[in-house]
Amino acid sequence: MFELVPEWASHYEEFWLTIRRRNLWFIKLRYGAAVMLLFSIFFSKFFLEIEFSKVQQNSITSITILILFYNLAFHTLRKYLKHDAKKFNPLHLSILQMIFDLFALMSIIYFTGSVESPLLLFFVIHMIVGSLILPGFVIYTFAVVVVLAFWGITVGEYYSIIQHHHILGYLPVPIHQHFNFVLAINITFAFMVFMIVLIANKVANQLYIREQQLLESIDKINAAEKEKQKYISGIVHEIKTPLAAVHSYLDLVLQKFLGPLDEVVEEKLTRARRRSDEAIELINNVLKISKLRIEDSFIKEEVDIASILARAIKSAKVNAEAKGVKLSLINRRKERHTIDGDPLLIQIALSNIISNAIKYNFMDGKVEIEVDEDKDNLIIKVCDNGVGIPKEETEKIFNDFYRASNIKHGSVEGSGLGLSVVKQIVERHNGTINIQSPSHLSTDRFPGTCVKLTLPFLKKQI
């Protein structure tokens, strides 16, 4: 299969989608052309007093039926073509359509009077659309073939080598042997075809060049973003080392290995330790985000959500018990379906959501984790009866460093990165995340929040 796709566009999805859309233009125009031809054959006599001979009627009807037949075939075929430059693809389908169309149109032009035909300008539409789709050398080849074929028909009719089909009622007398008229039409037709191809193909090439430049710019931006994330990751990782050391020293002092502490001093050190925890959490979140943005792919394996949830709940229990928050798991699944993904990233997402539900709750609060399923997806809901999220902020909450207005000035500290990380992880797994506030656990004082994750599962059962 000869290659028509430029190297820069072979993996550019928008290029293929554009070709597919323009192929669909051809198909829709063809349906309209077939209807117009049928109308002209059977109703032109009554409305325009134009009459076709029996040969013309039979020939044009046969060509119209052929057009409808191959158009249906193309309409079906286009749905199954892959965006693969090495195989039969939408661009090859465009060439095939042009070949069939030009043959059919040339035949119709011949049976409707060739040089006298009112349908001659239909070549203009094909040349324009073809110029927008096909490479220059291909569309110019088609233009040369069309002009030579038309000249051959008109010259053959002029010298009576082939039969001329005059449309009765359209022109008073046949003029296919009027030298000046035939010469003028042939020169004008050739000039028009080549000028249309030249202008339309030049415009199309300029657009493709702009697309190529845009694609290259996007690649450069992505590469720069990766370098920036690597730099941030390196700097942040270096910052984490002294912070972890400070955290360890604070633990030693607070555990009174170095002697008893005054209550005021102990309180201050406890607050310092809490702040160091928050700083380390912030650093970990930044590192997670950098990792997600640097790496284009992640580990994929068959994952049972039950074991991941068990680990996430186990790690959250310490904080829940310290705050007096009741943590419960409700499993509504009838079967144990698995999902395809990265176990570590999924655990990070679930741990983050459960941790938030505990962090933004109150003493003796509730956190309910519900696992359910529908036909194709695993559904996990984490609901609480904590501070909740203002309705107008439920979409903004996924932005980097964004914190809800009802908590960012409160006593609970955080980085505002947690849900941003969760959203990226969920989308990497082709899932969705939604937030609802108030939740079904809401109280008169506190609205609470429900975070719903939907992850597609594998059909295979374990």
Protein backbone atom coordinates (compact mmCIF):
# COMPACT_ATOMS: atom_id res chain seq x y z
CA MET A 1 0.00 0.00 0.00
CA PHE A 2 1.56 3.33 -1.08
CA GLU A 3 1.95 5.89 1.68
CA LEU A 4 0.23 9.27 1.43
CA VAL A 5 0.40 10.42 5.03
CA PRO A 6 3.17 12.87 5.97
CA GLU A 7 5.39 11.58 8.76
CA TRP A 8 4.40 14.35 11.17
CA ALA A 9 0.69 13.48 10.80
CA SER A 10 0.86 9.67 11.02
CA HIS A 11 0.25 9.73 14.79
CA TYR A 12 -1.70 12.98 14.87
CA GLU A 13 -5.30 12.09 15.72
CA GLU A 14 -6.76 15.42 14.59
CA PHE A 15 -5.31 14.89 11.08
CA TRP A 16 -7.13 11.56 10.77
CA LEU A 17 -10.37 12.99 12.16
CA THR A 18 -10.21 15.79 9.58
CA ILE A 19 -9.80 13.27 6.74
CA ARG A 20 -12.70 11.22 8.10
CA ARG A 21 -14.93 14.30 8.26
CA ARG A 22 -14.10 15.27 4.68
CA ASN A 23 -14.74 11.73 3.50
CA LEU A 24 -18.16 12.09 5.06
CA TRP A 25 -18.65 15.31 3.06
CA PHE A 26 -18.13 13.28 -0.12
CA ILE A 27 -20.62 10.66 0.99
CA LYS A 28 -23.34 13.16 1.94
CA LEU A 29 -22.84 15.16 -1.27
CA ARG A 30 -23.15 11.94 -3.24
CA TYR A 31 -26.55 11.14 -1.73
CA GLY A 32 -27.73 14.62 -2.69
CA ALA A 33 -26.31 14.26 -6.22
CA ALA A 34 -28.11 10.92 -6.70
CA VAL A 35 -31.44 12.45 -5.65
CA MET A 36 -30.89 15.39 -8.01
CA LEU A 37 -30.10 13.06 -10.93
CA LEU A 38 -33.23 10.99 -10.35
CA PHE A 39 -35.27 14.19 -10.16
CA SER A 40 -33.76 15.53 -13.39
CA ILE A 41 -34.52 12.28 -15.25
CA PHE A 42 -38.15 11.84 -14.23
CA PHE A 43 -39.42 15.38 -13.54
CA SER A 44 -37.46 17.75 -15.79
CA LYS A 45 -39.90 17.10 -18.67
CA PHE A 46 -42.84 18.33 -16.57
CA PHE A 47 -41.15 21.31 -14.88
CA LEU A 48 -38.50 22.42 -17.39
CA GLU A 49 -39.80 20.92 -20.68
CA ILE A 50 -36.51 19.07 -21.04
CA GLU A 51 -36.65 15.57 -22.47
CA PHE A 52 -34.07 12.78 -22.32
CA SER A 53 -33.79 10.06 -24.92
CA LYS A 54 -34.33 6.43 -23.94
CA VAL A 55 -30.57 5.82 -24.06
CA GLN A 56 -29.95 8.85 -21.83
CA GLN A 57 -32.63 7.81 -19.33
CA ASN A 58 -31.37 4.23 -19.06
CA SER A 59 -27.70 5.26 -18.86
CA ILE A 60 -28.18 8.01 -16.25
CA THR A 61 -30.48 5.77 -14.19
CA SER A 62 -27.91 2.98 -14.23
CA ILE A 63 -25.11 5.37 -13.24
CA THR A 64 -27.26 6.81 -10.41
CA ILE A 65 -27.99 3.32 -9.04
CA LEU A 66 -24.27 2.54 -9.26
CA ILE A 67 -23.48 5.77 -7.35
CA LEU A 68 -25.93 4.85 -4.57
CA PHE A 69 -24.53 1.32 -4.40
CA TYR A 70 -20.85 2.28 -4.05
CA ASN A 71 -21.76 5.20 -1.79
CA LEU A 72 -23.42 2.80 0.67
CA ALA A 73 -20.33 0.61 0.46
CA PHE A 74 -18.04 3.56 1.22
CA HIS A 75 -20.34 4.74 4.03
CA THR A 76 -20.03 1.32 5.66
CA LEU A 77 -16.31 0.90 4.97
CA ARG A 78 -15.27 4.24 6.52
CA LYS A 79 -16.46 3.08 9.97
CA TYR A 80 -13.95 0.22 10.03
CA LEU A 81 -10.83 1.97 8.75
CA LYS A 82 -7.94 2.35 11.20
CA HIS A 83 -5.71 5.40 11.49
CA ASP A 84 -2.68 3.47 10.28
CA ALA A 85 -0.41 5.07 7.68
CA LYS A 86 1.01 1.65 6.72
CA LYS A 87 -2.36 0.07 5.85
CA PHE A 88 -5.51 0.95 3.95
CA ASN A 89 -6.68 4.09 5.75
CA PRO A 90 -9.13 7.02 5.35
CA LEU A 91 -6.77 8.82 2.95
CA HIS A 92 -6.75 5.82 0.61
CA LEU A 93 -10.55 5.76 0.85
CA SER A 94 -10.55 9.39 -0.33
CA ILE A 95 -8.61 8.41 -3.45
CA LEU A 96 -10.94 5.49 -4.11
CA GLN A 97 -13.96 7.79 -3.80
CA MET A 98 -12.41 10.30 -6.20
CA ILE A 99 -11.75 7.59 -8.81
CA PHE A 100 -15.32 6.25 -8.66
CA ASP A 101 -16.83 9.74 -8.60
CA LEU A 102 -14.82 11.12 -11.50
CA PHE A 103 -15.64 8.08 -13.63
CA ALA A 104 -19.36 8.35 -12.78
CA LEU A 105 -19.43 12.12 -13.29
CA MET A 106 -17.58 11.94 -16.60
CA SER A 107 -20.07 9.32 -17.79
CA ILE A 108 -23.00 11.53 -16.76
CA ILE A 109 -21.40 14.54 -18.47
CA TYR A 110 -21.10 12.46 -21.65
CA PHE A 111 -24.75 11.36 -21.63
CA THR A 112 -25.96 14.90 -20.88
CA GLY A 113 -24.25 16.55 -23.84
CA SER A 114 -20.55 16.73 -22.82
CA VAL A 115 -19.59 20.24 -23.95
CA GLU A 116 -23.27 21.28 -23.65
CA SER A 117 -23.83 19.61 -20.26
CA PRO A 118 -25.29 21.79 -17.46
CA LEU A 119 -23.56 19.47 -14.94
CA LEU A 120 -20.02 20.34 -16.01
CA LEU A 121 -19.47 22.57 -12.97
CA PHE A 122 -19.87 19.57 -10.66
CA PHE A 123 -16.20 18.88 -11.36
CA VAL A 124 -15.48 22.08 -9.41
CA ILE A 125 -16.90 20.59 -6.18
CA HIS A 126 -14.82 17.44 -6.54
CA MET A 127 -11.65 19.34 -7.28
CA ILE A 128 -12.13 21.60 -4.23
CA VAL A 129 -12.92 18.78 -1.79
CA GLY A 130 -10.18 16.60 -3.29
CA SER A 131 -7.64 19.41 -2.93
CA LEU A 132 -8.51 19.73 0.76
CA ILE A 133 -7.93 16.02 1.38
CA LEU A 134 -5.32 14.67 -1.01
CA PRO A 135 -1.60 15.42 -1.46
CA GLY A 136 -0.69 17.77 -4.30
CA PHE A 137 0.71 15.19 -6.73
CA VAL A 138 -2.44 13.04 -6.43
CA ILE A 139 -5.00 15.81 -7.00
CA TYR A 140 -2.96 17.27 -9.89
CA THR A 141 -2.89 13.81 -11.46
CA PHE A 142 -6.69 13.66 -11.17
CA ALA A 143 -6.97 17.16 -12.68
CA VAL A 144 -4.84 16.16 -15.71
CA VAL A 145 -6.85 12.95 -16.23
CA VAL A 146 -10.18 14.84 -15.99
CA VAL A 147 -9.11 17.55 -18.45
CA LEU A 148 -7.68 15.03 -20.95
CA ALA A 149 -10.77 12.78 -20.68
CA PHE A 150 -13.10 15.75 -21.25
CA TRP A 151 -11.03 16.95 -24.19
CA GLY A 152 -11.04 13.43 -25.65
CA ILE A 153 -14.85 13.22 -25.46
CA THR A 154 -15.43 16.68 -26.93
CA VAL A 155 -12.92 16.18 -29.74
CA GLY A 156 -14.37 12.73 -30.49
CA GLU A 157 -17.87 14.22 -30.74
CA TYR A 158 -16.62 17.14 -32.80
CA TYR A 159 -15.19 14.77 -35.44
CA SER A 160 -18.18 12.38 -35.07
CA ILE A 161 -15.91 9.58 -33.83
CA ILE A 162 -18.24 9.00 -30.88
CA GLN A 163 -21.98 9.64 -30.59
CA HIS A 164 -23.19 12.95 -29.16
CA HIS A 165 -26.17 12.90 -26.76
CA HIS A 166 -28.10 16.14 -27.10
CA ILE A 167 -30.69 17.10 -24.44
CA LEU A 168 -33.91 18.11 -26.17
CA GLY A 169 -35.32 21.35 -24.82
CA TYR A 170 -32.12 22.53 -23.11
CA LEU A 171 -30.51 24.13 -26.18
CA PRO A 172 -32.29 24.93 -29.45
CA VAL A 173 -29.72 23.08 -31.57
CA PRO A 174 -26.62 20.91 -30.89
CA ILE A 175 -23.45 23.02 -30.72
CA HIS A 176 -20.92 20.26 -30.10
CA GLN A 177 -19.45 20.85 -33.57
CA HIS A 178 -19.21 24.62 -33.27
CA PHE A 179 -15.41 25.05 -33.26
CA ASN A 180 -15.12 28.33 -31.35
CA PHE A 181 -17.59 27.19 -28.67
CA VAL A 182 -15.91 23.80 -28.18
CA LEU A 183 -12.45 25.41 -28.03
CA ALA A 184 -13.58 28.10 -25.57
CA ILE A 185 -15.28 25.56 -23.27
CA ASN A 186 -12.26 23.23 -23.29
CA ILE A 187 -9.75 26.01 -22.55
CA THR A 188 -11.98 27.56 -19.87
CA PHE A 189 -12.66 24.16 -18.28
CA ALA A 190 -8.96 23.26 -18.13
CA PHE A 191 -8.02 26.67 -16.75
CA MET A 192 -10.80 26.53 -14.13
CA VAL A 193 -9.88 23.01 -12.98
CA PHE A 194 -6.16 23.76 -12.59
CA MET A 195 -6.72 27.13 -10.92
CA ILE A 196 -9.17 25.59 -8.41
CA VAL A 197 -6.72 22.79 -7.62
CA LEU A 198 -3.83 25.26 -7.31
CA ILE A 199 -5.67 27.62 -4.94
CA ALA A 200 -7.49 25.00 -2.83
CA ASN A 201 -4.44 22.76 -2.50
CA LYS A 202 -2.23 25.69 -1.56
CA VAL A 203 -4.68 26.75 1.16
CA ALA A 204 -4.91 23.15 2.40
CA ASN A 205 -1.10 22.84 2.48
CA GLN A 206 -0.80 26.07 4.47
CA LEU A 207 -3.33 24.75 6.98
CA TYR A 208 -1.44 21.46 7.27
CA ILE A 209 1.83 23.35 7.80
CA ARG A 210 0.19 25.38 10.58
CA GLU A 211 -1.09 22.14 12.11
CA GLN A 212 2.40 20.66 11.92
CA GLN A 213 3.89 23.74 13.56
CA LEU A 214 1.22 23.66 16.25
CA LEU A 215 1.87 19.98 16.90
CA GLU A 216 5.61 20.60 17.17
CA SER A 217 4.97 23.49 19.56
CA ILE A 218 2.75 21.28 21.72
CA ASP A 219 5.49 18.63 21.80
CA LYS A 220 8.02 21.25 22.86
CA ILE A 221 5.70 22.53 25.58
CA ASN A 222 5.13 18.99 26.84
CA ALA A 223 8.87 18.32 26.84
CA ALA A 224 9.49 21.59 28.72
CA GLU A 225 6.77 20.67 31.21
CA LYS A 226 8.42 17.30 31.83
CA GLU A 227 11.79 18.96 32.37
CA LYS A 228 10.19 21.43 34.76
CA GLN A 229 8.50 18.61 36.68
CA LYS A 230 11.82 16.73 36.89
CA TYR A 231 13.51 19.84 38.21
CA ILE A 232 10.73 20.44 40.77
CA SER A 233 10.82 16.78 41.78
CA GLY A 234 14.58 16.94 42.36
CA ILE A 235 14.42 20.17 44.39
CA VAL A 236 11.44 19.05 46.46
CA HIS A 237 13.07 15.69 47.16
CA GLU A 238 16.13 17.51 48.49
CA ILE A 239 13.92 19.65 50.73
CA LYS A 240 12.27 16.53 52.13
CA THR A 241 15.54 15.19 53.61
CA PRO A 242 16.15 17.94 56.21
CA LEU A 243 12.44 18.08 57.03
CA ALA A 244 12.40 14.35 57.73
CA ALA A 245 15.40 14.83 60.01
CA VAL A 246 13.61 17.63 61.91
CA HIS A 247 10.57 15.39 62.19
CA SER A 248 12.68 12.60 63.69
CA TYR A 249 14.32 14.93 66.25
CA LEU A 250 10.90 16.26 67.29
CA ASP A 251 9.72 12.68 67.82
CA LEU A 252 12.71 11.97 70.06
CA VAL A 253 12.02 15.06 72.16
CA LEU A 254 8.24 14.50 72.36
CA GLN A 255 8.71 10.88 73.39
CA LYS A 256 10.82 12.29 76.28
CA PHE A 257 13.91 10.27 75.50
CA LEU A 258 15.90 13.41 76.30
CA GLY A 259 14.06 14.14 79.56
CA PRO A 260 10.80 15.62 80.80
CA LEU A 261 9.15 18.58 79.02
CA ASP A 262 7.36 21.64 80.26
CA GLU A 263 3.67 21.62 79.19
CA VAL A 264 3.98 24.85 77.22
CA VAL A 265 7.12 23.63 75.45
CA GLU A 266 5.49 20.27 74.72
CA GLU A 267 2.48 22.00 73.20
CA LYS A 268 4.69 24.13 70.98
CA LEU A 269 6.74 21.12 69.89
CA THR A 270 3.57 19.13 69.18
CA ARG A 271 2.35 21.92 66.91
CA ALA A 272 5.77 22.03 65.25
CA ARG A 273 5.62 18.28 64.67
CA ARG A 274 2.13 18.62 63.18
CA ARG A 275 3.38 21.32 60.86
CA SER A 276 6.30 19.13 59.84
CA ASP A 277 3.81 16.34 59.06
CA GLU A 278 1.88 18.73 56.82
CA ALA A 279 5.06 19.85 55.09
CA ILE A 280 6.11 16.26 54.39
CA GLU A 281 2.59 15.48 53.12
CA LEU A 282 2.79 18.49 50.81
CA ILE A 283 6.17 17.35 49.51
CA ASN A 284 4.86 13.81 48.92
CA ASN A 285 1.88 15.16 46.98
CA VAL A 286 4.13 17.35 44.82
CA LEU A 287 6.34 14.33 44.11
CA LYS A 288 3.28 12.24 43.20
CA ILE A 289 2.01 14.90 40.80
CA SER A 290 5.45 15.25 39.21
CA LYS A 291 5.64 11.50 38.74
CA LEU A 292 2.21 11.39 37.10
CA ARG A 293 3.08 14.24 34.72
CA ILE A 294 6.56 12.99 33.84
CA GLU A 295 5.59 9.40 33.11
CA ASP A 296 3.32 8.81 30.14
CA SER A 297 2.47 5.30 31.20
CA PHE A 298 2.02 3.35 34.40
CA ILE A 299 1.97 -0.26 35.49
CA LYS A 300 -1.15 -2.11 34.44
CA GLU A 301 -2.19 -5.36 36.00
CA GLU A 302 -5.29 -7.17 37.14
CA VAL A 303 -6.26 -5.63 40.46
CA ASP A 304 -8.73 -6.78 43.11
CA ILE A 305 -10.05 -3.65 44.79
CA ALA A 306 -10.80 -5.51 48.07
CA SER A 307 -7.12 -5.91 49.01
CA ILE A 308 -6.30 -2.30 48.10
CA LEU A 309 -9.24 -0.99 50.11
CA ALA A 310 -8.22 -3.13 53.08
CA ARG A 311 -4.72 -1.58 53.07
CA ALA A 312 -6.08 1.96 52.65
CA ILE A 313 -8.54 1.49 55.54
CA LYS A 314 -5.89 -0.07 57.75
CA SER A 315 -3.54 2.89 57.28
CA ALA A 316 -6.41 5.36 57.95
CA LYS A 317 -7.62 3.64 61.13
CA VAL A 318 -4.98 5.23 63.36
CA ASN A 319 -6.09 8.77 62.47
CA ALA A 320 -9.77 7.77 62.64
CA GLU A 321 -9.40 6.31 66.15
CA ALA A 322 -7.38 9.31 67.35
CA LYS A 323 -10.20 11.59 66.22
CA GLY A 324 -13.01 9.29 67.35
CA VAL A 325 -14.32 8.95 63.79
CA LYS A 326 -16.29 5.77 63.07
CA LEU A 327 -14.98 4.10 59.92
CA SER A 328 -17.26 1.53 58.22
CA LEU A 329 -17.15 -0.49 54.98
CA ILE A 330 -20.30 -1.53 53.10
CA ASN A 331 -19.83 -4.06 50.30
CA ARG A 332 -22.83 -4.23 47.94
CA ARG A 333 -21.05 -6.18 45.19
CA LYS A 334 -22.65 -9.40 44.07
CA GLU A 335 -19.53 -10.58 42.25
CA ARG A 336 -15.84 -9.80 42.63
CA HIS A 337 -14.83 -8.14 39.37
CA THR A 338 -11.29 -6.92 38.89
CA ILE A 339 -10.01 -3.72 37.35
CA ASP A 340 -7.04 -3.07 35.10
CA GLY A 341 -4.63 -0.59 36.64
CA ASP A 342 -1.72 0.37 38.83
CA PRO A 343 -2.31 -0.93 42.40
CA LEU A 344 -0.03 1.67 43.97
CA LEU A 345 -1.71 4.62 42.27
CA ILE A 346 -5.19 3.32 43.07
CA GLN A 347 -4.18 2.92 46.72
CA ILE A 348 -2.84 6.50 46.76
CA ALA A 349 -6.17 7.75 45.40
CA LEU A 350 -8.30 5.80 47.88
CA SER A 351 -6.04 6.64 50.83
CA ASN A 352 -6.23 10.31 49.92
CA ILE A 353 -10.03 10.34 49.77
CA ILE A 354 -10.44 8.39 53.02
CA SER A 355 -7.82 10.57 54.73
CA ASN A 356 -9.69 13.73 53.65
CA ALA A 357 -12.98 12.31 54.96
CA ILE A 358 -11.37 11.82 58.38
CA LYS A 359 -9.34 15.06 58.36
CA TYR A 360 -12.32 17.31 57.54
CA ASN A 361 -14.62 15.60 60.03
CA PHE A 362 -15.26 16.20 63.70
CA MET A 363 -14.95 14.18 66.88
CA ASP A 364 -17.33 11.21 66.87
CA GLY A 365 -17.99 11.73 63.15
CA LYS A 366 -18.77 9.05 60.57
CA VAL A 367 -16.98 7.92 57.40
CA GLU A 368 -18.75 5.35 55.26
CA ILE A 369 -17.02 3.52 52.40
CA GLU A 370 -19.43 1.82 50.01
CA VAL A 371 -18.37 -0.56 47.23
CA ASP A 372 -20.89 -1.28 44.48
CA GLU A 373 -21.01 -2.10 40.77
CA ASP A 374 -23.10 -1.61 37.67
CA LYS A 375 -22.94 -3.46 34.38
CA ASP A 376 -19.45 -2.25 33.40
CA ASN A 377 -17.97 -0.35 36.31
CA LEU A 378 -16.79 -0.64 39.87
CA ILE A 379 -18.27 2.15 42.02
CA ILE A 380 -16.66 3.34 45.25
CA LYS A 381 -18.28 6.01 47.44
CA VAL A 382 -16.57 7.61 50.44
CA CYS A 383 -19.09 9.65 52.43
CA ASP A 384 -18.75 11.61 55.67
CA ASN A 385 -20.68 13.99 57.87
CA GLY A 386 -17.92 16.58 58.10
CA VAL A 387 -17.61 20.22 57.04
CA GLY A 388 -18.75 19.62 53.45
CA ILE A 389 -17.93 21.65 50.32
CA PRO A 390 -19.88 24.69 49.05
CA LYS A 391 -21.90 23.65 45.98
CA GLU A 392 -20.35 26.25 43.69
CA GLU A 393 -16.84 24.95 44.52
CA THR A 394 -17.27 21.23 43.86
CA GLU A 395 -15.58 21.49 40.43
CA LYS A 396 -12.82 23.89 41.50
CA ILE A 397 -11.80 21.53 44.30
CA PHE A 398 -9.86 19.41 41.74
CA ASN A 399 -7.57 22.32 40.80
CA ASP A 400 -3.97 22.29 42.07
CA PHE A 401 -3.58 24.00 45.46
CA TYR A 402 -7.28 24.89 45.65
CA ARG A 403 -8.93 24.60 49.06
CA ALA A 404 -12.62 25.12 49.78
CA SER A 405 -13.52 28.51 51.21
CA ASN A 406 -15.13 27.01 54.33
CA ILE A 407 -11.91 25.25 55.44
CA LYS A 408 -8.91 27.12 54.06
CA HIS A 409 -9.06 29.66 56.89
CA GLY A 410 -9.92 27.03 59.48
CA SER A 411 -7.81 24.98 61.86
CA VAL A 412 -7.34 22.07 59.41
CA GLU A 413 -4.20 22.50 57.34
CA GLY A 414 -3.63 20.99 53.92
CA SER A 415 -1.88 21.50 50.59
CA GLY A 416 -4.86 21.55 48.25
CA LEU A 417 -3.16 18.97 46.05
CA GLY A 418 -4.77 15.75 47.25
CA LEU A 419 -7.86 15.73 45.04
CA SER A 420 -5.84 16.99 42.07
CA VAL A 421 -3.66 13.88 42.39
CA VAL A 422 -6.74 11.66 42.83
CA LYS A 423 -8.41 13.07 39.68
CA GLN A 424 -5.30 12.48 37.58
CA ILE A 425 -5.01 8.90 38.83
CA VAL A 426 -8.69 8.16 38.17
CA GLU A 427 -8.54 9.62 34.65
CA ARG A 428 -5.40 7.59 33.92
CA HIS A 429 -7.56 4.53 34.66
CA ASN A 430 -10.33 5.77 32.29
CA GLY A 431 -12.58 6.41 35.27
CA THR A 432 -14.55 9.36 36.61
CA ILE A 433 -14.73 11.17 39.95
CA ASN A 434 -17.67 13.19 41.25
CA ILE A 435 -18.26 15.10 44.47
CA GLN A 436 -21.60 15.61 46.13
CA SER A 437 -22.20 17.86 49.14
CA PRO A 438 -24.26 17.50 51.30
CA SER A 439 -24.00 13.74 51.66
CA HIS A 440 -26.63 11.26 52.84
CA LEU A 441 -24.84 11.29 56.24
CA SER A 442 -25.42 15.01 56.70
CA THR A 443 -26.63 16.41 60.01
CA ASP A 444 -28.33 19.65 60.98
CA ARG A 445 -24.92 21.23 61.70
CA PHE A 446 -22.66 19.61 59.14
CA PRO A 447 -23.49 18.84 55.46
CA GLY A 448 -20.77 16.26 54.85
CA THR A 449 -19.34 15.14 51.51
CA CYS A 450 -19.60 12.12 49.19
CA VAL A 451 -16.78 11.35 46.75
CA LYS A 452 -17.78 8.86 44.05
CA LEU A 453 -15.21 6.97 41.97
CA THR A 454 -16.22 4.98 38.89
CA LEU A 455 -13.59 2.61 37.46
CA PRO A 456 -14.19 0.27 34.49
CA PHE A 457 -13.54 -3.35 35.35
CA LEU A 458 -12.33 -6.35 33.41
CA LYS A 459 -14.98 -8.80 32.24
CA LYS A 460 -13.00 -11.73 33.56
CA GLN A 461 -14.18 -12.92 36.97
CA ILE A 462 -12.08 -14.40 39.74
